[in-house]
Amino acid sequence: MQPNDKTMEFMQIAMKYMPEAKQQLDEAGIELSMEMIQPFMNLFTKVMNEAYEMGKADAMKENE
């Protein structure tokens, strides 16, 4: 599986939690803009890809 195969699914997960993240940033006095989000979204995608691969490897071990 290519890392980008799940990118859209990961972005949907991120958008699900975006209102909560925005609220916390607003409360901390940090303004959120799309330009600011992009590097974090890239990092989030890397983390999610790695976590997905770890879960996939664990599931394969359990099925052996």
Protein backbone atom coordinates (compact mmCIF):
# COMPACT_ATOMS: atom_id res chain seq x y z
CA MET A 1 0.00 0.00 0.00
CA GLN A 2 1.26 3.42 -0.93
CA PRO A 3 1.34 5.98 1.91
CA ASN A 4 -0.95 8.33 -0.03
CA ASP A 5 -3.71 5.72 -0.38
CA LYS A 6 -5.12 6.65 3.01
CA THR A 7 -4.41 10.39 2.89
CA MET A 8 -8.00 11.40 2.14
CA GLU A 9 -9.32 9.21 4.96
CA PHE A 10 -6.77 10.72 7.35
CA MET A 11 -7.79 14.23 6.26
CA GLN A 12 -11.44 13.39 6.98
CA ILE A 13 -10.40 12.34 10.50
CA ALA A 14 -8.44 15.58 10.94
CA MET A 15 -11.39 17.67 9.79
CA LYS A 16 -13.63 15.85 12.26
CA TYR A 17 -11.47 17.14 15.12
CA MET A 18 -10.65 20.55 13.59
CA PRO A 19 -13.43 22.43 15.45
CA GLU A 20 -12.10 21.15 18.79
CA ALA A 21 -8.53 22.10 17.86
CA LYS A 22 -9.64 25.54 16.68
CA GLN A 23 -11.53 26.14 19.93
CA GLN A 24 -8.48 25.23 22.00
CA LEU A 25 -6.23 27.46 19.89
CA ASP A 26 -8.75 30.33 20.11
CA GLU A 27 -8.84 29.97 23.89
CA ALA A 28 -5.03 30.11 23.93
CA GLY A 29 -5.13 33.29 21.84
CA ILE A 30 -3.65 31.65 18.73
CA GLU A 31 -5.22 32.61 15.43
CA LEU A 32 -5.66 29.68 13.04
CA SER A 33 -5.21 30.16 9.29
CA MET A 34 -5.04 27.70 6.42
CA GLU A 35 -1.39 28.64 5.88
CA MET A 36 -0.64 27.73 9.49
CA ILE A 37 -2.57 24.45 9.27
CA GLN A 38 -0.77 23.01 6.23
CA PRO A 39 2.53 21.99 7.91
CA PHE A 40 0.59 20.39 10.77
CA MET A 41 -1.66 18.53 8.34
CA ASN A 42 1.44 17.15 6.61
CA LEU A 43 2.81 16.03 9.97
CA PHE A 44 -0.57 14.55 10.95
CA THR A 45 -0.62 12.56 7.70
CA LYS A 46 2.86 11.14 8.40
CA VAL A 47 1.83 10.15 11.94
CA MET A 48 -1.40 8.56 10.74
CA ASN A 49 0.40 6.62 7.99
CA GLU A 50 2.92 5.26 10.48
CA ALA A 51 0.19 4.37 12.99
CA TYR A 52 -1.82 2.66 10.24
CA GLU A 53 1.18 0.58 9.16
CA MET A 54 1.87 -0.39 12.80
CA GLY A 55 -1.74 -1.51 13.26
CA LYS A 56 -1.65 -3.40 9.97
CA ALA A 57 1.56 -5.21 11.00
CA ASP A 58 0.07 -6.07 14.41
CA ALA A 59 -3.07 -7.46 12.77
CA MET A 60 -0.99 -9.57 10.40
CA LYS A 61 1.01 -10.99 13.34
CA GLU A 62 -2.22 -11.91 15.16
CA ASN A 63 -3.50 -13.71 12.07
CA GLU A 64 -0.40 -15.89 11.72
